[in-house]
Amino acid sequence: MFCIKRVRNPWIWAALFGASTAATASKDVRDIELRRLFEPTPAERRAETSGRIYIYEGLRETDVARAMEKEFDRVESMMFIRVKKTDKTGETLKDPETGDAVVEDDGC
């Protein structure tokens, strides 16, 4: 039987739990960015009004299209990078070779 308390090598811990932690962190960041995009706090709105630009990374094309429609009055405070391409149903497109999300990339 595998005894977890005997595993002292941090590399083994990273291999065992790293992938699930990264996936969870990615979802958490996406949730925060969607909340900020569609339900900004009064402090976030004040920052935008004073000229602050927020960079949204890795949102789906459908999220960006919705923002352009629903939040157009705030668009000067938004920048979208590495936007994930979606199919007609809104699902994220995946690279058939790697399984990674297909993203818009302008080469910058």
N, C-alpha and C. Protein backbone atom coordinates (compact mmCIF):
# COMPACT_ATOMS: atom_id res chain seq x y z
N MET A 1 0.84 -1.19 0.00
CA MET A 1 0.00 0.00 0.00
C MET A 1 0.88 1.24 0.00
N PHE A 2 0.46 2.25 -0.71
CA PHE A 2 1.20 3.50 -0.84
C PHE A 2 0.94 4.38 0.38
N CYS A 3 2.00 4.80 1.04
CA CYS A 3 1.87 5.63 2.23
C CYS A 3 2.29 7.06 1.90
N ILE A 4 1.33 7.99 1.91
CA ILE A 4 1.60 9.37 1.53
C ILE A 4 2.57 10.06 2.48
N LYS A 5 2.50 9.78 3.75
CA LYS A 5 3.36 10.52 4.67
C LYS A 5 4.84 10.20 4.49
N ARG A 6 5.17 9.14 3.77
CA ARG A 6 6.57 8.79 3.52
C ARG A 6 7.12 9.47 2.27
N VAL A 7 6.28 10.10 1.50
CA VAL A 7 6.74 10.78 0.29
C VAL A 7 7.27 12.15 0.69
N ARG A 8 8.59 12.31 0.65
CA ARG A 8 9.20 13.56 1.09
C ARG A 8 9.76 14.37 -0.07
N ASN A 9 9.86 13.77 -1.21
CA ASN A 9 10.42 14.47 -2.37
C ASN A 9 9.37 15.40 -2.96
N PRO A 10 9.65 16.73 -3.02
CA PRO A 10 8.66 17.67 -3.55
C PRO A 10 8.34 17.43 -5.02
N TRP A 11 9.28 16.85 -5.77
CA TRP A 11 9.02 16.58 -7.19
C TRP A 11 7.95 15.51 -7.35
N ILE A 12 7.92 14.57 -6.45
CA ILE A 12 6.89 13.52 -6.51
C ILE A 12 5.53 14.14 -6.19
N TRP A 13 5.47 15.01 -5.19
CA TRP A 13 4.21 15.70 -4.87
C TRP A 13 3.72 16.50 -6.07
N ALA A 14 4.66 17.19 -6.71
CA ALA A 14 4.28 17.99 -7.88
C ALA A 14 3.73 17.10 -8.98
N ALA A 15 4.35 15.96 -9.20
CA ALA A 15 3.87 15.04 -10.25
C ALA A 15 2.51 14.47 -9.89
N LEU A 16 2.30 14.18 -8.61
CA LEU A 16 1.03 13.58 -8.18
C LEU A 16 -0.14 14.57 -8.21
N PHE A 17 0.12 15.81 -7.80
CA PHE A 17 -0.97 16.74 -7.60
C PHE A 17 -0.91 17.98 -8.48
N GLY A 18 0.15 18.17 -9.22
CA GLY A 18 0.35 19.38 -10.02
C GLY A 18 -0.70 19.61 -11.08
N ALA A 19 -1.04 18.59 -11.84
CA ALA A 19 -1.99 18.77 -12.95
C ALA A 19 -3.36 19.18 -12.46
N SER A 20 -3.84 18.55 -11.40
CA SER A 20 -5.17 18.91 -10.91
C SER A 20 -5.17 20.30 -10.30
N THR A 21 -4.08 20.69 -9.65
CA THR A 21 -3.98 22.02 -9.06
C THR A 21 -3.95 23.08 -10.16
N ALA A 22 -3.21 22.83 -11.23
CA ALA A 22 -3.13 23.79 -12.33
C ALA A 22 -4.48 23.97 -12.99
N ALA A 23 -5.21 22.88 -13.19
CA ALA A 23 -6.53 22.97 -13.81
C ALA A 23 -7.49 23.76 -12.92
N THR A 24 -7.44 23.52 -11.62
CA THR A 24 -8.30 24.24 -10.69
C THR A 24 -7.94 25.73 -10.67
N ALA A 25 -6.65 26.04 -10.65
CA ALA A 25 -6.21 27.44 -10.63
C ALA A 25 -6.67 28.14 -11.90
N SER A 26 -6.57 27.46 -13.04
CA SER A 26 -6.99 28.06 -14.31
C SER A 26 -8.48 28.39 -14.29
N LYS A 27 -9.29 27.48 -13.76
CA LYS A 27 -10.73 27.72 -13.67
C LYS A 27 -11.01 28.87 -12.72
N ASP A 28 -10.29 28.93 -11.61
CA ASP A 28 -10.49 30.01 -10.64
C ASP A 28 -10.18 31.37 -11.26
N VAL A 29 -9.08 31.46 -12.01
CA VAL A 29 -8.72 32.72 -12.66
C VAL A 29 -9.79 33.10 -13.68
N ARG A 30 -10.26 32.12 -14.45
CA ARG A 30 -11.30 32.40 -15.44
C ARG A 30 -12.56 32.93 -14.75
N ASP A 31 -12.94 32.30 -13.64
CA ASP A 31 -14.12 32.76 -12.90
C ASP A 31 -13.95 34.20 -12.42
N ILE A 32 -12.77 34.53 -11.92
CA ILE A 32 -12.49 35.89 -11.45
C ILE A 32 -12.57 36.87 -12.61
N GLU A 33 -11.97 36.50 -13.75
CA GLU A 33 -11.99 37.41 -14.88
C GLU A 33 -13.40 37.61 -15.42
N LEU A 34 -14.21 36.55 -15.47
CA LEU A 34 -15.59 36.70 -15.94
C LEU A 34 -16.40 37.56 -14.99
N ARG A 35 -16.19 37.39 -13.70
CA ARG A 35 -16.89 38.23 -12.72
C ARG A 35 -16.49 39.68 -12.92
N ARG A 36 -15.19 39.92 -13.08
CA ARG A 36 -14.71 41.29 -13.26
C ARG A 36 -15.24 41.89 -14.56
N LEU A 37 -15.32 41.08 -15.60
CA LEU A 37 -15.77 41.55 -16.90
C LEU A 37 -17.25 41.93 -16.89
N PHE A 38 -18.08 41.09 -16.28
CA PHE A 38 -19.53 41.30 -16.35
C PHE A 38 -20.16 41.86 -15.08
N GLU A 39 -19.44 41.82 -13.95
CA GLU A 39 -19.97 42.35 -12.69
C GLU A 39 -18.86 43.06 -11.93
N PRO A 40 -18.28 44.12 -12.50
CA PRO A 40 -17.18 44.80 -11.81
C PRO A 40 -17.65 45.45 -10.51
N THR A 41 -16.75 45.46 -9.54
CA THR A 41 -17.05 46.12 -8.27
C THR A 41 -16.99 47.63 -8.48
N PRO A 42 -17.54 48.40 -7.56
CA PRO A 42 -17.41 49.86 -7.66
C PRO A 42 -15.95 50.31 -7.72
N ALA A 43 -15.07 49.65 -6.98
CA ALA A 43 -13.64 50.02 -7.01
C ALA A 43 -13.04 49.73 -8.39
N GLU A 44 -13.42 48.61 -8.99
CA GLU A 44 -12.92 48.28 -10.33
C GLU A 44 -13.44 49.29 -11.36
N ARG A 45 -14.69 49.70 -11.22
CA ARG A 45 -15.24 50.72 -12.13
C ARG A 45 -14.52 52.05 -11.99
N ARG A 46 -14.21 52.43 -10.74
CA ARG A 46 -13.46 53.67 -10.51
C ARG A 46 -12.08 53.60 -11.15
N ALA A 47 -11.43 52.45 -11.03
CA ALA A 47 -10.10 52.27 -11.64
C ALA A 47 -10.19 52.41 -13.16
N GLU A 48 -11.22 51.83 -13.75
CA GLU A 48 -11.43 51.95 -15.20
C GLU A 48 -11.67 53.40 -15.59
N THR A 49 -12.48 54.10 -14.81
CA THR A 49 -12.79 55.50 -15.09
C THR A 49 -11.54 56.36 -15.03
N SER A 50 -10.61 55.99 -14.15
CA SER A 50 -9.37 56.76 -14.02
C SER A 50 -8.32 56.36 -15.07
N GLY A 51 -8.67 55.42 -15.97
CA GLY A 51 -7.78 55.07 -17.06
C GLY A 51 -7.10 53.72 -16.98
N ARG A 52 -7.36 52.97 -15.94
CA ARG A 52 -6.73 51.66 -15.81
C ARG A 52 -7.31 50.69 -16.83
N ILE A 53 -6.42 49.91 -17.45
CA ILE A 53 -6.82 48.89 -18.41
C ILE A 53 -6.56 47.52 -17.80
N TYR A 54 -7.52 46.63 -17.91
CA TYR A 54 -7.36 45.27 -17.40
C TYR A 54 -7.15 44.34 -18.57
N ILE A 55 -6.14 43.48 -18.46
CA ILE A 55 -5.84 42.52 -19.52
C ILE A 55 -6.48 41.18 -19.15
N TYR A 56 -7.39 40.74 -19.99
CA TYR A 56 -8.07 39.45 -19.81
C TYR A 56 -7.35 38.43 -20.68
N GLU A 57 -6.88 37.36 -20.07
CA GLU A 57 -6.12 36.37 -20.82
C GLU A 57 -6.82 35.02 -20.81
N GLY A 58 -6.96 34.45 -22.01
CA GLY A 58 -7.45 33.09 -22.12
C GLY A 58 -8.95 32.92 -22.03
N LEU A 59 -9.72 34.01 -22.19
CA LEU A 59 -11.17 33.85 -22.23
C LEU A 59 -11.58 33.25 -23.57
N ARG A 60 -12.78 32.71 -23.64
CA ARG A 60 -13.28 32.13 -24.88
C ARG A 60 -13.82 33.22 -25.80
N GLU A 61 -13.82 32.93 -27.10
CA GLU A 61 -14.38 33.88 -28.09
C GLU A 61 -15.80 34.28 -27.72
N THR A 62 -16.57 33.33 -27.23
CA THR A 62 -17.96 33.63 -26.88
C THR A 62 -18.05 34.63 -25.73
N ASP A 63 -17.10 34.55 -24.78
CA ASP A 63 -17.07 35.50 -23.66
C ASP A 63 -16.74 36.90 -24.17
N VAL A 64 -15.77 36.98 -25.07
CA VAL A 64 -15.37 38.28 -25.62
C VAL A 64 -16.50 38.89 -26.45
N ALA A 65 -17.16 38.06 -27.25
CA ALA A 65 -18.29 38.55 -28.05
C ALA A 65 -19.40 39.08 -27.14
N ARG A 66 -19.67 38.37 -26.07
CA ARG A 66 -20.70 38.82 -25.11
C ARG A 66 -20.29 40.14 -24.47
N ALA A 67 -19.00 40.28 -24.14
CA ALA A 67 -18.52 41.54 -23.54
C ALA A 67 -18.67 42.69 -24.53
N MET A 68 -18.37 42.45 -25.79
CA MET A 68 -18.50 43.50 -26.81
C MET A 68 -19.95 43.94 -26.96
N GLU A 69 -20.86 43.02 -26.72
CA GLU A 69 -22.28 43.33 -26.83
C GLU A 69 -22.84 43.96 -25.55
N LYS A 70 -22.52 43.40 -24.41
CA LYS A 70 -23.12 43.82 -23.14
C LYS A 70 -22.35 44.91 -22.41
N GLU A 71 -21.03 44.99 -22.62
CA GLU A 71 -20.19 45.91 -21.86
C GLU A 71 -19.44 46.89 -22.78
N PHE A 72 -20.03 47.19 -23.92
CA PHE A 72 -19.33 48.00 -24.93
C PHE A 72 -18.90 49.36 -24.40
N ASP A 73 -19.66 49.93 -23.48
CA ASP A 73 -19.31 51.24 -22.93
C ASP A 73 -18.02 51.21 -22.12
N ARG A 74 -17.53 50.02 -21.77
CA ARG A 74 -16.30 49.88 -20.99
C ARG A 74 -15.13 49.34 -21.82
N VAL A 75 -15.33 49.15 -23.11
CA VAL A 75 -14.33 48.47 -23.94
C VAL A 75 -12.96 49.15 -23.94
N GLU A 76 -12.91 50.45 -23.74
CA GLU A 76 -11.62 51.14 -23.73
C GLU A 76 -10.77 50.74 -22.52
N SER A 77 -11.36 50.06 -21.55
CA SER A 77 -10.63 49.62 -20.36
C SER A 77 -10.29 48.13 -20.41
N MET A 78 -10.48 47.52 -21.57
CA MET A 78 -10.28 46.07 -21.70
C MET A 78 -9.25 45.75 -22.77
N MET A 79 -8.47 44.72 -22.51
CA MET A 79 -7.59 44.15 -23.53
C MET A 79 -7.72 42.64 -23.41
N PHE A 80 -7.88 41.98 -24.55
CA PHE A 80 -8.04 40.53 -24.56
C PHE A 80 -6.85 39.91 -25.28
N ILE A 81 -6.19 38.96 -24.62
CA ILE A 81 -5.07 38.26 -25.25
C ILE A 81 -5.28 36.76 -25.13
N ARG A 82 -4.66 36.03 -26.06
CA ARG A 82 -4.74 34.57 -26.11
C ARG A 82 -6.18 34.07 -25.96
N VAL A 83 -7.06 34.67 -26.74
CA VAL A 83 -8.48 34.30 -26.72
C VAL A 83 -8.63 32.89 -27.28
N LYS A 84 -9.37 32.05 -26.55
CA LYS A 84 -9.58 30.66 -26.98
C LYS A 84 -10.67 30.62 -28.04
N LYS A 85 -10.34 30.01 -29.17
CA LYS A 85 -11.30 29.86 -30.26
C LYS A 85 -12.36 28.85 -29.87
N THR A 86 -13.59 29.10 -30.35
CA THR A 86 -14.69 28.20 -30.04
C THR A 86 -15.39 27.76 -31.33
N ASP A 87 -16.12 26.64 -31.22
CA ASP A 87 -16.90 26.19 -32.36
C ASP A 87 -18.28 26.84 -32.30
N LYS A 88 -19.18 26.44 -33.20
CA LYS A 88 -20.51 27.06 -33.28
C LYS A 88 -21.36 26.81 -32.04
N THR A 89 -21.02 25.79 -31.25
CA THR A 89 -21.78 25.51 -30.03
C THR A 89 -21.19 26.23 -28.81
N GLY A 90 -20.04 26.90 -29.00
CA GLY A 90 -19.42 27.61 -27.89
C GLY A 90 -18.36 26.79 -27.17
N GLU A 91 -18.12 25.56 -27.63
CA GLU A 91 -17.10 24.72 -27.01
C GLU A 91 -15.71 25.17 -27.48
N THR A 92 -14.74 25.12 -26.59
CA THR A 92 -13.38 25.50 -26.91
C THR A 92 -12.78 24.50 -27.90
N LEU A 93 -12.19 25.02 -28.98
CA LEU A 93 -11.53 24.16 -29.95
C LEU A 93 -10.22 23.64 -29.38
N LYS A 94 -9.91 22.38 -29.66
CA LYS A 94 -8.69 21.75 -29.17
C LYS A 94 -7.80 21.37 -30.34
N ASP A 95 -6.50 21.54 -30.16
CA ASP A 95 -5.53 21.09 -31.15
C ASP A 95 -5.57 19.57 -31.17
N PRO A 96 -5.79 18.95 -32.34
CA PRO A 96 -5.91 17.49 -32.39
C PRO A 96 -4.64 16.75 -31.99
N GLU A 97 -3.49 17.39 -32.16
CA GLU A 97 -2.23 16.73 -31.81
C GLU A 97 -1.88 16.84 -30.34
N THR A 98 -2.13 18.01 -29.74
CA THR A 98 -1.70 18.23 -28.36
C THR A 98 -2.85 18.19 -27.36
N GLY A 99 -4.07 18.45 -27.83
CA GLY A 99 -5.20 18.53 -26.92
C GLY A 99 -5.34 19.89 -26.25
N ASP A 100 -4.38 20.80 -26.52
CA ASP A 100 -4.44 22.15 -25.94
C ASP A 100 -5.49 23.00 -26.65
N ALA A 101 -5.99 23.98 -25.95
CA ALA A 101 -6.95 24.90 -26.54
C ALA A 101 -6.29 25.67 -27.68
N VAL A 102 -7.04 25.90 -28.75
CA VAL A 102 -6.56 26.71 -29.88
C VAL A 102 -6.82 28.16 -29.52
N VAL A 103 -5.78 28.99 -29.58
CA VAL A 103 -5.92 30.40 -29.18
C VAL A 103 -5.56 31.35 -30.31
N GLU A 104 -6.19 32.52 -30.25
CA GLU A 104 -5.81 33.62 -31.14
C GLU A 104 -4.43 34.07 -30.68
N ASP A 105 -3.50 34.21 -31.59
CA ASP A 105 -2.17 34.65 -31.22
C ASP A 105 -1.62 35.51 -32.35
N ASP A 106 -1.37 36.78 -32.04
CA ASP A 106 -0.87 37.69 -33.07
C ASP A 106 0.64 37.69 -33.18
N GLY A 107 1.30 36.82 -32.44
CA GLY A 107 2.75 36.72 -32.53
C GLY A 107 3.53 37.70 -31.68
N CYS A 108 2.85 38.51 -30.91
CA CYS A 108 3.56 39.47 -30.04
C CYS A 108 4.15 38.79 -28.83
